Amino acid sequence: MYKIVKLRDKIRVSPDKMGMELEEALYFFLRERYERTIDKDIGIIVAVTSAKPTGEGVVVPGDPGVYYEVEFESLSYFPVVNEVLFSEVNEVVDFGTFVTLGPIDGLVHLSQITSEFLTYNRKTQVITGKDGKKSIKKGDVVLAKISTVSLKPSVSETKIGLTMRPHALGKVEWAQQASKKAVVGSDKDGKEKKEKKEKHEKEKK
């Protein structure tokens, strides 16, 4: 889930940036401090989108910099358990696939791709089902659901687990094939019921 968050902080503008417009300088230091950082309440801060000083700068004796109270907005991504995502496979490895979730990748473990038995071809980097009808590779578009979230102080430490086993999830092609089968099955059932009804009516006559 992406959201815009309003925050406040005190930012030091160093002497080498005092020739810049104030908001531009504050924006520079806010980006440097916040982007790609993680807060357990906000999530992953993707970008600082605005910066506005709320008062006059303060000079501290012995410090050549100037400190400003700043209000700013940031775009953050907060992964939510049970959220269903439409995304792309970024990498395929022997234990599963990594799916792009904007600023971070989530792992779909081999056991969570499908209920079928799967094998990994190291040479082609493709995961294939036992009957060969299902396969998944880098670049495939999938529907996946977030199953676990472990936010850590850095993006590299943060772990997000995904699943594609529930009905209608997985590769888009799989969902389309399942829908076609469901329609065909429904038509077949409807036809059989109609034939039975007509036969019953004939017998009554």
N, C-alpha and C. Protein backbone atom coordinates (compact mmCIF):
# COMPACT_ATOMS: atom_id res chain seq x y z
N MET A 1 0.84 -1.18 0.00
CA MET A 1 0.00 0.00 0.00
C MET A 1 0.89 1.26 0.00
N TYR A 2 0.66 2.14 -0.95
CA TYR A 2 1.37 3.41 -1.00
C TYR A 2 0.55 4.50 -0.33
N LYS A 3 1.22 5.42 0.33
CA LYS A 3 0.52 6.53 0.97
C LYS A 3 1.44 7.74 1.09
N ILE A 4 0.81 8.92 1.14
CA ILE A 4 1.55 10.16 1.38
C ILE A 4 1.49 10.45 2.87
N VAL A 5 2.66 10.67 3.47
CA VAL A 5 2.75 10.91 4.92
C VAL A 5 3.34 12.29 5.17
N LYS A 6 2.72 13.05 6.09
CA LYS A 6 3.24 14.36 6.48
C LYS A 6 4.10 14.20 7.73
N LEU A 7 5.30 14.78 7.70
CA LEU A 7 6.26 14.63 8.80
C LEU A 7 6.88 15.98 9.16
N ARG A 8 7.53 16.01 10.33
CA ARG A 8 8.26 17.19 10.77
C ARG A 8 9.66 16.76 11.23
N ASP A 9 10.63 17.65 11.04
CA ASP A 9 11.97 17.36 11.51
C ASP A 9 12.76 18.66 11.59
N LYS A 10 13.93 18.58 12.23
CA LYS A 10 14.85 19.71 12.27
C LYS A 10 16.03 19.35 11.37
N ILE A 11 16.29 20.19 10.39
CA ILE A 11 17.32 19.90 9.40
C ILE A 11 18.44 20.94 9.46
N ARG A 12 19.66 20.45 9.43
CA ARG A 12 20.83 21.33 9.39
C ARG A 12 21.23 21.57 7.94
N VAL A 13 21.31 22.85 7.57
CA VAL A 13 21.79 23.22 6.24
C VAL A 13 23.25 23.62 6.38
N SER A 14 24.12 22.88 5.73
CA SER A 14 25.56 23.13 5.84
C SER A 14 25.98 24.34 5.00
N PRO A 15 27.10 24.96 5.34
CA PRO A 15 27.55 26.18 4.63
C PRO A 15 27.65 26.01 3.11
N ASP A 16 28.05 24.82 2.64
CA ASP A 16 28.24 24.63 1.20
C ASP A 16 26.93 24.63 0.42
N LYS A 17 25.78 24.57 1.13
CA LYS A 17 24.47 24.56 0.45
C LYS A 17 23.69 25.85 0.69
N MET A 18 24.31 26.82 1.34
CA MET A 18 23.59 28.06 1.66
C MET A 18 23.39 28.96 0.46
N GLY A 19 24.08 28.68 -0.64
CA GLY A 19 23.86 29.45 -1.85
C GLY A 19 22.62 29.00 -2.62
N MET A 20 22.04 27.89 -2.22
CA MET A 20 20.83 27.36 -2.86
C MET A 20 19.60 28.03 -2.29
N GLU A 21 18.48 27.94 -3.01
CA GLU A 21 17.20 28.34 -2.44
C GLU A 21 16.95 27.48 -1.21
N LEU A 22 16.38 28.07 -0.15
CA LEU A 22 16.24 27.37 1.13
C LEU A 22 15.46 26.06 0.99
N GLU A 23 14.30 26.11 0.32
CA GLU A 23 13.49 24.90 0.17
C GLU A 23 14.23 23.83 -0.62
N GLU A 24 15.01 24.27 -1.60
CA GLU A 24 15.78 23.32 -2.40
C GLU A 24 16.85 22.64 -1.54
N ALA A 25 17.52 23.43 -0.67
CA ALA A 25 18.54 22.89 0.21
C ALA A 25 17.92 21.92 1.23
N LEU A 26 16.78 22.30 1.80
CA LEU A 26 16.11 21.43 2.77
C LEU A 26 15.67 20.12 2.10
N TYR A 27 15.17 20.24 0.88
CA TYR A 27 14.74 19.07 0.12
C TYR A 27 15.92 18.13 -0.11
N PHE A 28 17.08 18.69 -0.41
CA PHE A 28 18.30 17.89 -0.65
C PHE A 28 18.66 17.08 0.60
N PHE A 29 18.67 17.74 1.76
CA PHE A 29 19.07 17.05 2.99
C PHE A 29 18.00 16.07 3.48
N LEU A 30 16.74 16.39 3.24
CA LEU A 30 15.67 15.47 3.63
C LEU A 30 15.74 14.19 2.80
N ARG A 31 16.00 14.33 1.51
CA ARG A 31 16.14 13.15 0.66
C ARG A 31 17.30 12.28 1.13
N GLU A 32 18.40 12.95 1.45
CA GLU A 32 19.60 12.24 1.90
C GLU A 32 19.34 11.48 3.20
N ARG A 33 18.55 12.07 4.10
CA ARG A 33 18.29 11.46 5.39
C ARG A 33 17.22 10.38 5.35
N TYR A 34 16.16 10.57 4.54
CA TYR A 34 14.98 9.71 4.65
C TYR A 34 14.77 8.68 3.55
N GLU A 35 15.12 9.00 2.32
CA GLU A 35 14.79 8.08 1.24
C GLU A 35 15.49 6.73 1.40
N ARG A 36 14.73 5.66 1.16
CA ARG A 36 15.19 4.28 1.29
C ARG A 36 15.38 3.86 2.75
N THR A 37 14.85 4.64 3.68
CA THR A 37 14.87 4.23 5.09
C THR A 37 13.54 3.60 5.44
N ILE A 38 13.50 2.93 6.60
CA ILE A 38 12.30 2.21 7.01
C ILE A 38 11.88 2.65 8.41
N ASP A 39 10.61 2.90 8.56
CA ASP A 39 10.00 3.20 9.86
C ASP A 39 8.90 2.19 10.10
N LYS A 40 8.83 1.61 11.29
CA LYS A 40 7.85 0.55 11.54
C LYS A 40 6.40 1.02 11.42
N ASP A 41 6.17 2.33 11.58
CA ASP A 41 4.80 2.88 11.47
C ASP A 41 4.51 3.42 10.08
N ILE A 42 5.53 3.87 9.38
CA ILE A 42 5.34 4.50 8.07
C ILE A 42 5.62 3.52 6.94
N GLY A 43 6.57 2.61 7.15
CA GLY A 43 6.97 1.68 6.11
C GLY A 43 8.26 2.14 5.44
N ILE A 44 8.42 1.80 4.18
CA ILE A 44 9.61 2.17 3.42
C ILE A 44 9.38 3.53 2.78
N ILE A 45 10.22 4.50 3.12
CA ILE A 45 10.08 5.84 2.54
C ILE A 45 10.72 5.83 1.16
N VAL A 46 9.87 5.94 0.15
CA VAL A 46 10.32 5.85 -1.24
C VAL A 46 10.89 7.18 -1.72
N ALA A 47 10.19 8.27 -1.39
CA ALA A 47 10.64 9.58 -1.88
C ALA A 47 10.10 10.70 -1.00
N VAL A 48 10.91 11.74 -0.84
CA VAL A 48 10.45 12.98 -0.22
C VAL A 48 9.87 13.82 -1.34
N THR A 49 8.64 14.29 -1.17
CA THR A 49 7.96 14.99 -2.27
C THR A 49 7.86 16.50 -2.10
N SER A 50 8.07 17.00 -0.87
CA SER A 50 8.01 18.46 -0.65
C SER A 50 8.73 18.81 0.64
N ALA A 51 9.12 20.07 0.79
CA ALA A 51 9.79 20.53 2.01
C ALA A 51 9.48 22.00 2.22
N LYS A 52 9.10 22.36 3.46
CA LYS A 52 8.75 23.74 3.75
C LYS A 52 9.20 24.12 5.16
N PRO A 53 10.04 25.15 5.28
CA PRO A 53 10.47 25.59 6.62
C PRO A 53 9.29 26.20 7.37
N THR A 54 9.25 25.99 8.67
CA THR A 54 8.12 26.52 9.47
C THR A 54 8.55 27.69 10.36
N GLY A 55 9.78 28.12 10.24
CA GLY A 55 10.25 29.26 11.05
C GLY A 55 11.61 29.72 10.58
N GLU A 56 12.17 30.64 11.34
CA GLU A 56 13.50 31.17 11.02
C GLU A 56 14.56 30.13 11.38
N GLY A 57 15.70 30.21 10.70
CA GLY A 57 16.80 29.32 11.00
C GLY A 57 17.45 29.66 12.34
N VAL A 58 18.03 28.66 12.96
CA VAL A 58 18.69 28.83 14.25
C VAL A 58 20.18 28.50 14.10
N VAL A 59 21.02 29.40 14.62
CA VAL A 59 22.47 29.19 14.58
C VAL A 59 22.94 28.77 15.96
N VAL A 60 23.73 27.71 15.99
CA VAL A 60 24.30 27.20 17.24
C VAL A 60 25.75 27.66 17.33
N PRO A 61 26.15 28.25 18.46
CA PRO A 61 27.54 28.71 18.61
C PRO A 61 28.54 27.60 18.31
N GLY A 62 29.52 27.92 17.50
CA GLY A 62 30.55 26.95 17.15
C GLY A 62 30.19 26.05 15.98
N ASP A 63 28.96 26.18 15.45
CA ASP A 63 28.51 25.35 14.33
C ASP A 63 28.22 26.27 13.15
N PRO A 64 28.90 26.12 12.02
CA PRO A 64 28.67 27.00 10.87
C PRO A 64 27.36 26.74 10.12
N GLY A 65 26.69 25.65 10.46
CA GLY A 65 25.43 25.34 9.80
C GLY A 65 24.26 26.11 10.41
N VAL A 66 23.11 26.06 9.71
CA VAL A 66 21.87 26.69 10.20
C VAL A 66 20.80 25.62 10.30
N TYR A 67 20.05 25.61 11.43
CA TYR A 67 19.03 24.59 11.68
C TYR A 67 17.62 25.15 11.43
N TYR A 68 16.82 24.35 10.72
CA TYR A 68 15.46 24.78 10.39
C TYR A 68 14.45 23.71 10.80
N GLU A 69 13.34 24.15 11.39
CA GLU A 69 12.20 23.26 11.59
C GLU A 69 11.50 23.14 10.24
N VAL A 70 11.24 21.90 9.84
CA VAL A 70 10.71 21.66 8.50
C VAL A 70 9.48 20.75 8.53
N GLU A 71 8.49 21.09 7.73
CA GLU A 71 7.36 20.18 7.46
C GLU A 71 7.58 19.63 6.06
N PHE A 72 7.38 18.34 5.89
CA PHE A 72 7.58 17.77 4.56
C PHE A 72 6.65 16.58 4.35
N GLU A 73 6.46 16.23 3.10
CA GLU A 73 5.65 15.08 2.73
C GLU A 73 6.53 14.02 2.09
N SER A 74 6.19 12.76 2.35
CA SER A 74 6.94 11.67 1.74
C SER A 74 5.98 10.62 1.20
N LEU A 75 6.42 9.96 0.14
CA LEU A 75 5.68 8.83 -0.40
C LEU A 75 6.27 7.58 0.22
N SER A 76 5.45 6.79 0.88
CA SER A 76 5.96 5.58 1.53
C SER A 76 5.17 4.36 1.08
N TYR A 77 5.84 3.21 1.19
CA TYR A 77 5.20 1.94 0.85
C TYR A 77 5.15 1.09 2.11
N PHE A 78 3.93 0.68 2.50
CA PHE A 78 3.75 -0.14 3.69
C PHE A 78 3.10 -1.46 3.28
N PRO A 79 3.88 -2.56 3.31
CA PRO A 79 3.32 -3.86 2.93
C PRO A 79 2.32 -4.35 3.97
N VAL A 80 1.14 -4.76 3.51
CA VAL A 80 0.07 -5.19 4.41
C VAL A 80 -0.26 -6.66 4.16
N VAL A 81 -0.29 -7.44 5.22
CA VAL A 81 -0.62 -8.86 5.10
C VAL A 81 -2.02 -9.01 4.50
N ASN A 82 -2.16 -9.95 3.56
CA ASN A 82 -3.38 -10.26 2.80
C ASN A 82 -3.64 -9.30 1.64
N GLU A 83 -2.76 -8.33 1.44
CA GLU A 83 -2.89 -7.45 0.27
C GLU A 83 -2.54 -8.24 -0.99
N VAL A 84 -3.37 -8.16 -2.01
CA VAL A 84 -3.12 -8.85 -3.28
C VAL A 84 -2.47 -7.87 -4.25
N LEU A 85 -1.37 -8.32 -4.86
CA LEU A 85 -0.58 -7.45 -5.72
C LEU A 85 -0.48 -7.99 -7.14
N PHE A 86 -0.51 -7.08 -8.08
CA PHE A 86 -0.33 -7.40 -9.50
C PHE A 86 1.06 -6.93 -9.86
N SER A 87 1.99 -7.86 -10.08
CA SER A 87 3.38 -7.45 -10.25
C SER A 87 4.13 -8.38 -11.21
N GLU A 88 5.46 -8.22 -11.22
CA GLU A 88 6.30 -8.95 -12.18
C GLU A 88 7.38 -9.75 -11.45
N VAL A 89 7.67 -10.93 -11.97
CA VAL A 89 8.73 -11.77 -11.40
C VAL A 89 10.07 -11.14 -11.77
N ASN A 90 10.87 -10.86 -10.74
CA ASN A 90 12.15 -10.19 -10.94
C ASN A 90 13.32 -11.16 -11.02
N GLU A 91 13.16 -12.32 -10.36
CA GLU A 91 14.24 -13.31 -10.34
C GLU A 91 13.67 -14.68 -10.00
N VAL A 92 14.23 -15.72 -10.61
CA VAL A 92 13.82 -17.09 -10.33
C VAL A 92 15.03 -17.86 -9.82
N VAL A 93 14.88 -18.49 -8.65
CA VAL A 93 15.97 -19.26 -8.05
C VAL A 93 15.44 -20.65 -7.69
N ASP A 94 16.33 -21.51 -7.19
CA ASP A 94 15.91 -22.88 -6.93
C ASP A 94 14.90 -23.03 -5.80
N PHE A 95 14.79 -22.02 -4.93
CA PHE A 95 13.85 -22.11 -3.81
C PHE A 95 12.61 -21.24 -3.99
N GLY A 96 12.46 -20.61 -5.16
CA GLY A 96 11.26 -19.81 -5.39
C GLY A 96 11.47 -18.66 -6.36
N THR A 97 10.62 -17.67 -6.29
CA THR A 97 10.72 -16.50 -7.16
C THR A 97 10.66 -15.22 -6.34
N PHE A 98 11.35 -14.21 -6.82
CA PHE A 98 11.28 -12.89 -6.20
C PHE A 98 10.40 -12.00 -7.08
N VAL A 99 9.42 -11.36 -6.44
CA VAL A 99 8.46 -10.53 -7.15
C VAL A 99 8.67 -9.07 -6.74
N THR A 100 8.66 -8.17 -7.72
CA THR A 100 8.89 -6.76 -7.46
C THR A 100 7.68 -6.12 -6.77
N LEU A 101 7.94 -5.47 -5.63
CA LEU A 101 6.90 -4.74 -4.90
C LEU A 101 7.30 -3.27 -4.80
N GLY A 102 7.58 -2.67 -5.92
CA GLY A 102 8.00 -1.27 -5.90
C GLY A 102 9.41 -1.13 -5.37
N PRO A 103 9.59 -0.60 -4.15
CA PRO A 103 10.93 -0.36 -3.61
C PRO A 103 11.62 -1.59 -3.05
N ILE A 104 10.95 -2.73 -3.06
CA ILE A 104 11.50 -3.95 -2.45
C ILE A 104 10.95 -5.17 -3.19
N ASP A 105 11.64 -6.30 -3.05
CA ASP A 105 11.17 -7.56 -3.62
C ASP A 105 10.59 -8.45 -2.53
N GLY A 106 9.58 -9.22 -2.88
CA GLY A 106 9.00 -10.21 -1.97
C GLY A 106 9.29 -11.60 -2.51
N LEU A 107 9.40 -12.57 -1.60
CA LEU A 107 9.72 -13.94 -2.00
C LEU A 107 8.48 -14.82 -2.03
N VAL A 108 8.28 -15.50 -3.15
CA VAL A 108 7.27 -16.56 -3.24
C VAL A 108 8.04 -17.87 -3.17
N HIS A 109 8.01 -18.51 -2.01
CA HIS A 109 8.74 -19.77 -1.85
C HIS A 109 8.17 -20.81 -2.80
N LEU A 110 9.01 -21.77 -3.18
CA LEU A 110 8.60 -22.83 -4.11
C LEU A 110 7.29 -23.49 -3.67
N SER A 111 7.13 -23.69 -2.37
CA SER A 111 5.93 -24.35 -1.84
C SER A 111 4.69 -23.48 -1.93
N GLN A 112 4.89 -22.16 -2.21
CA GLN A 112 3.76 -21.23 -2.25
C GLN A 112 3.42 -20.77 -3.66
N ILE A 113 4.09 -21.35 -4.67
CA ILE A 113 3.79 -20.96 -6.06
C ILE A 113 2.51 -21.64 -6.53
N THR A 114 2.40 -22.93 -6.28
CA THR A 114 1.22 -23.71 -6.66
C THR A 114 1.22 -24.99 -5.84
N SER A 115 0.12 -25.69 -5.84
CA SER A 115 0.03 -26.95 -5.08
C SER A 115 0.68 -28.11 -5.83
N GLU A 116 1.02 -27.89 -7.09
CA GLU A 116 1.65 -28.94 -7.89
C GLU A 116 3.11 -29.14 -7.51
N PHE A 117 3.66 -30.30 -7.86
CA PHE A 117 5.09 -30.55 -7.67
C PHE A 117 5.84 -29.75 -8.72
N LEU A 118 6.89 -29.02 -8.28
CA LEU A 118 7.63 -28.14 -9.19
C LEU A 118 9.11 -28.52 -9.24
N THR A 119 9.71 -28.25 -10.38
CA THR A 119 11.16 -28.46 -10.53
C THR A 119 11.78 -27.19 -11.10
N TYR A 120 13.05 -26.98 -10.75
CA TYR A 120 13.77 -25.79 -11.20
C TYR A 120 14.87 -26.19 -12.18
N ASN A 121 14.88 -25.53 -13.34
CA ASN A 121 15.91 -25.77 -14.34
C ASN A 121 16.96 -24.66 -14.19
N ARG A 122 18.12 -25.02 -13.65
CA ARG A 122 19.16 -24.02 -13.38
C ARG A 122 19.66 -23.36 -14.67
N LYS A 123 19.69 -24.11 -15.77
CA LYS A 123 20.21 -23.58 -17.03
C LYS A 123 19.28 -22.51 -17.62
N THR A 124 17.98 -22.81 -17.65
CA THR A 124 17.02 -21.86 -18.23
C THR A 124 16.43 -20.92 -17.18
N GLN A 125 16.65 -21.23 -15.90
CA GLN A 125 16.09 -20.46 -14.78
C GLN A 125 14.56 -20.37 -14.89
N VAL A 126 13.97 -21.54 -15.10
CA VAL A 126 12.52 -21.65 -15.21
C VAL A 126 12.03 -22.71 -14.22
N ILE A 127 10.94 -22.40 -13.54
CA ILE A 127 10.30 -23.37 -12.65
C ILE A 127 9.11 -23.96 -13.40
N THR A 128 9.02 -25.28 -13.43
CA THR A 128 7.99 -25.96 -14.21
C THR A 128 7.24 -26.97 -13.37
N GLY A 129 5.92 -27.10 -13.64
CA GLY A 129 5.09 -28.08 -12.95
C GLY A 129 5.36 -29.48 -13.47
N LYS A 130 4.93 -30.47 -12.70
CA LYS A 130 5.20 -31.88 -13.04
C LYS A 130 4.66 -32.25 -14.41
N ASP A 131 3.46 -31.76 -14.75
CA ASP A 131 2.86 -32.12 -16.04
C ASP A 131 3.31 -31.20 -17.18
N GLY A 132 4.11 -30.19 -16.85
CA GLY A 132 4.63 -29.29 -17.88
C GLY A 132 3.67 -28.22 -18.33
N LYS A 133 2.47 -28.18 -17.76
CA LYS A 133 1.46 -27.20 -18.20
C LYS A 133 1.66 -25.83 -17.55
N LYS A 134 2.31 -25.82 -16.38
CA LYS A 134 2.56 -24.56 -15.70
C LYS A 134 4.06 -24.32 -15.60
N SER A 135 4.46 -23.09 -15.90
CA SER A 135 5.86 -22.71 -15.75
C SER A 135 5.92 -21.23 -15.38
N ILE A 136 7.03 -20.86 -14.77
CA ILE A 136 7.18 -19.46 -14.36
C ILE A 136 8.64 -19.05 -14.53
N LYS A 137 8.83 -17.85 -15.08
CA LYS A 137 10.18 -17.36 -15.37
C LYS A 137 10.25 -15.86 -15.11
N LYS A 138 11.44 -15.33 -15.19
CA LYS A 138 11.65 -13.89 -15.00
C LYS A 138 10.84 -13.11 -16.04
N GLY A 139 10.16 -12.06 -15.59
CA GLY A 139 9.37 -11.23 -16.49
C GLY A 139 7.90 -11.58 -16.54
N ASP A 140 7.54 -12.75 -15.99
CA ASP A 140 6.12 -13.14 -15.97
C ASP A 140 5.33 -12.22 -15.03
N VAL A 141 4.11 -11.92 -15.43
CA VAL A 141 3.23 -11.09 -14.60
C VAL A 141 2.36 -12.01 -13.74
N VAL A 142 2.30 -11.69 -12.44
CA VAL A 142 1.59 -12.57 -11.51
C VAL A 142 0.69 -11.79 -10.56
N LEU A 143 -0.25 -12.51 -9.98
CA LEU A 143 -1.06 -12.01 -8.87
C LEU A 143 -0.61 -12.78 -7.63
N ALA A 144 -0.16 -12.06 -6.61
CA ALA A 144 0.33 -12.71 -5.40
C ALA A 144 -0.23 -11.99 -4.18
N LYS A 145 -0.33 -12.73 -3.08
CA LYS A 145 -0.85 -12.16 -1.84
C LYS A 145 0.25 -12.14 -0.78
N ILE A 146 0.36 -11.02 -0.08
CA ILE A 146 1.35 -10.91 0.99
C ILE A 146 0.91 -11.79 2.16
N SER A 147 1.80 -12.68 2.59
CA SER A 147 1.47 -13.60 3.69
C SER A 147 2.21 -13.27 4.98
N THR A 148 3.44 -12.77 4.86
CA THR A 148 4.21 -12.39 6.05
C THR A 148 5.01 -11.11 5.77
N VAL A 149 5.17 -10.30 6.82
CA VAL A 149 5.95 -9.06 6.72
C VAL A 149 6.87 -8.95 7.93
N SER A 150 8.14 -8.74 7.68
CA SER A 150 9.11 -8.53 8.75
C SER A 150 9.92 -7.29 8.42
N LEU A 151 9.46 -6.12 8.95
CA LEU A 151 10.16 -4.86 8.69
C LEU A 151 11.38 -4.75 9.60
N LYS A 152 12.53 -4.49 9.00
CA LYS A 152 13.79 -4.33 9.72
C LYS A 152 14.33 -2.92 9.46
N PRO A 153 15.41 -2.53 10.13
CA PRO A 153 15.95 -1.17 9.96
C PRO A 153 16.39 -0.82 8.54
N SER A 154 16.70 -1.82 7.71
CA SER A 154 17.13 -1.53 6.34
C SER A 154 16.34 -2.37 5.34
N VAL A 155 16.33 -1.91 4.09
CA VAL A 155 15.61 -2.62 3.03
C VAL A 155 16.20 -4.01 2.82
N SER A 156 17.53 -4.11 2.89
CA SER A 156 18.18 -5.40 2.65
C SER A 156 17.83 -6.44 3.72
N GLU A 157 17.51 -6.00 4.92
CA GLU A 157 17.16 -6.91 6.02
C GLU A 157 15.67 -7.25 6.04
N THR A 158 14.85 -6.40 5.47
CA THR A 158 13.41 -6.59 5.49
C THR A 158 12.99 -7.78 4.64
N LYS A 159 12.09 -8.61 5.17
CA LYS A 159 11.64 -9.80 4.47
C LYS A 159 10.12 -9.76 4.28
N ILE A 160 9.70 -10.00 3.04
CA ILE A 160 8.26 -10.06 2.74
C ILE A 160 7.98 -11.39 2.05
N GLY A 161 7.09 -12.18 2.65
CA GLY A 161 6.71 -13.46 2.08
C GLY A 161 5.40 -13.36 1.32
N LEU A 162 5.32 -14.02 0.16
CA LEU A 162 4.12 -13.98 -0.68
C LEU A 162 3.63 -15.39 -0.95
N THR A 163 2.36 -15.50 -1.31
CA THR A 163 1.81 -16.78 -1.73
C THR A 163 1.00 -16.60 -3.00
N MET A 164 1.01 -17.64 -3.85
CA MET A 164 0.19 -17.63 -5.06
C MET A 164 -0.69 -18.88 -5.11
N ARG A 165 -0.77 -19.60 -3.99
CA ARG A 165 -1.52 -20.85 -3.96
C ARG A 165 -3.05 -20.67 -3.96
N PRO A 166 -3.59 -19.62 -3.30
CA PRO A 166 -5.05 -19.49 -3.30
C PRO A 166 -5.63 -19.40 -4.71
N HIS A 167 -6.89 -19.78 -4.82
CA HIS A 167 -7.60 -19.77 -6.12
C HIS A 167 -7.55 -18.38 -6.75
N ALA A 168 -7.33 -18.35 -8.05
CA ALA A 168 -7.30 -17.14 -8.88
C ALA A 168 -6.01 -16.33 -8.75
N LEU A 169 -5.05 -16.82 -7.97
CA LEU A 169 -3.75 -16.15 -7.91
C LEU A 169 -2.75 -16.91 -8.79
N GLY A 170 -1.54 -16.35 -8.89
CA GLY A 170 -0.52 -16.98 -9.72
C GLY A 170 -0.30 -16.21 -11.01
N LYS A 171 0.31 -16.87 -11.96
CA LYS A 171 0.52 -16.26 -13.27
C LYS A 171 -0.82 -15.88 -13.89
N VAL A 172 -0.85 -14.74 -14.55
CA VAL A 172 -2.10 -14.26 -15.14
C VAL A 172 -2.68 -15.31 -16.09
N GLU A 173 -1.83 -15.98 -16.86
CA GLU A 173 -2.30 -17.01 -17.79
C GLU A 173 -2.99 -18.16 -17.06
N TRP A 174 -2.49 -18.50 -15.85
CA TRP A 174 -3.10 -19.58 -15.08
C TRP A 174 -4.52 -19.22 -14.67
N ALA A 175 -4.69 -17.97 -14.24
CA ALA A 175 -6.01 -17.50 -13.82
C ALA A 175 -6.98 -17.50 -15.00
N GLN A 176 -6.47 -17.08 -16.18
CA GLN A 176 -7.32 -17.07 -17.38
C GLN A 176 -7.73 -18.48 -17.78
N GLN A 177 -6.80 -19.42 -17.70
CA GLN A 177 -7.11 -20.81 -18.02
C GLN A 177 -8.12 -21.40 -17.05
N ALA A 178 -7.97 -21.07 -15.76
CA ALA A 178 -8.88 -21.56 -14.73
C ALA A 178 -10.29 -21.01 -14.97
N SER A 179 -10.36 -19.73 -15.38
CA SER A 179 -11.67 -19.11 -15.65
C SER A 179 -12.35 -19.79 -16.84
N LYS A 180 -11.57 -20.09 -17.88
CA LYS A 180 -12.13 -20.76 -19.06
C LYS A 180 -12.67 -22.14 -18.70
N LYS A 181 -11.89 -22.88 -17.87
CA LYS A 181 -12.32 -24.20 -17.44
C LYS A 181 -13.61 -24.12 -16.63
N ALA A 182 -13.69 -23.08 -15.79
CA ALA A 182 -14.88 -22.90 -14.95
C ALA A 182 -16.10 -22.62 -15.81
N VAL A 183 -15.92 -21.79 -16.86
CA VAL A 183 -17.03 -21.46 -17.76
C VAL A 183 -17.47 -22.70 -18.54
N VAL A 184 -16.47 -23.43 -19.05
CA VAL A 184 -16.77 -24.65 -19.81
C VAL A 184 -17.49 -25.65 -18.92
N GLY A 185 -17.00 -25.83 -17.70
CA GLY A 185 -17.62 -26.76 -16.75
C GLY A 185 -19.04 -26.35 -16.42
N SER A 186 -19.24 -25.04 -16.26
CA SER A 186 -20.58 -24.53 -15.95
C SER A 186 -21.54 -24.77 -17.10
N ASP A 187 -21.05 -24.52 -18.34
CA ASP A 187 -21.88 -24.75 -19.53
C ASP A 187 -22.25 -26.23 -19.65
N LYS A 188 -21.28 -27.09 -19.37
CA LYS A 188 -21.50 -28.53 -19.47
C LYS A 188 -22.54 -28.98 -18.45
N ASP A 189 -22.40 -28.49 -17.21
CA ASP A 189 -23.35 -28.85 -16.15
C ASP A 189 -24.75 -28.36 -16.50
N GLY A 190 -24.79 -27.13 -17.05
CA GLY A 190 -26.08 -26.56 -17.42
C GLY A 190 -26.75 -27.35 -18.52
N LYS A 191 -25.95 -27.81 -19.48
CA LYS A 191 -26.48 -28.59 -20.60
C LYS A 191 -27.02 -29.93 -20.12
N GLU A 192 -26.25 -30.58 -19.20
CA GLU A 192 -26.67 -31.87 -18.67
C GLU A 192 -27.98 -31.75 -17.89
N LYS A 193 -28.08 -30.67 -17.10
CA LYS A 193 -29.31 -30.45 -16.33
C LYS A 193 -30.50 -30.22 -17.25
N LYS A 194 -30.27 -29.48 -18.32
CA LYS A 194 -31.33 -29.20 -19.28
C LYS A 194 -31.80 -30.48 -19.95
N GLU A 195 -30.84 -31.35 -20.34
CA GLU A 195 -31.17 -32.61 -21.00
C GLU A 195 -31.94 -33.53 -20.07
N LYS A 196 -31.55 -33.57 -18.80
CA LYS A 196 -32.23 -34.40 -17.81
C LYS A 196 -33.66 -33.90 -17.59
N LYS A 197 -33.81 -32.59 -17.57
CA LYS A 197 -35.13 -32.01 -17.36
C LYS A 197 -36.05 -32.33 -18.53
N GLU A 198 -35.51 -32.19 -19.77
CA GLU A 198 -36.31 -32.49 -20.97
C GLU A 198 -36.69 -33.96 -21.01
N LYS A 199 -35.75 -34.83 -20.62
CA LYS A 199 -36.01 -36.28 -20.61
C LYS A 199 -37.10 -36.61 -19.59
N HIS A 200 -37.03 -35.97 -18.43
CA HIS A 200 -38.01 -36.19 -17.37
C HIS A 200 -39.41 -35.76 -17.81
N GLU A 201 -39.46 -34.60 -18.52
CA GLU A 201 -40.76 -34.09 -19.00
C GLU A 201 -41.36 -35.01 -20.04
N LYS A 202 -40.48 -35.59 -20.91
CA LYS A 202 -40.96 -36.52 -21.93
C LYS A 202 -41.53 -37.78 -21.29
N GLU A 203 -40.86 -38.27 -20.26
CA GLU A 203 -41.30 -39.48 -19.57
C GLU A 203 -42.65 -39.24 -18.89
N LYS A 204 -42.87 -38.05 -18.39
CA LYS A 204 -44.15 -37.72 -17.73
C LYS A 204 -45.29 -37.74 -18.72
N LYS A 205 -44.97 -37.35 -19.96
CA LYS A 205 -46.01 -37.33 -20.97
C LYS A 205 -46.36 -38.75 -21.42
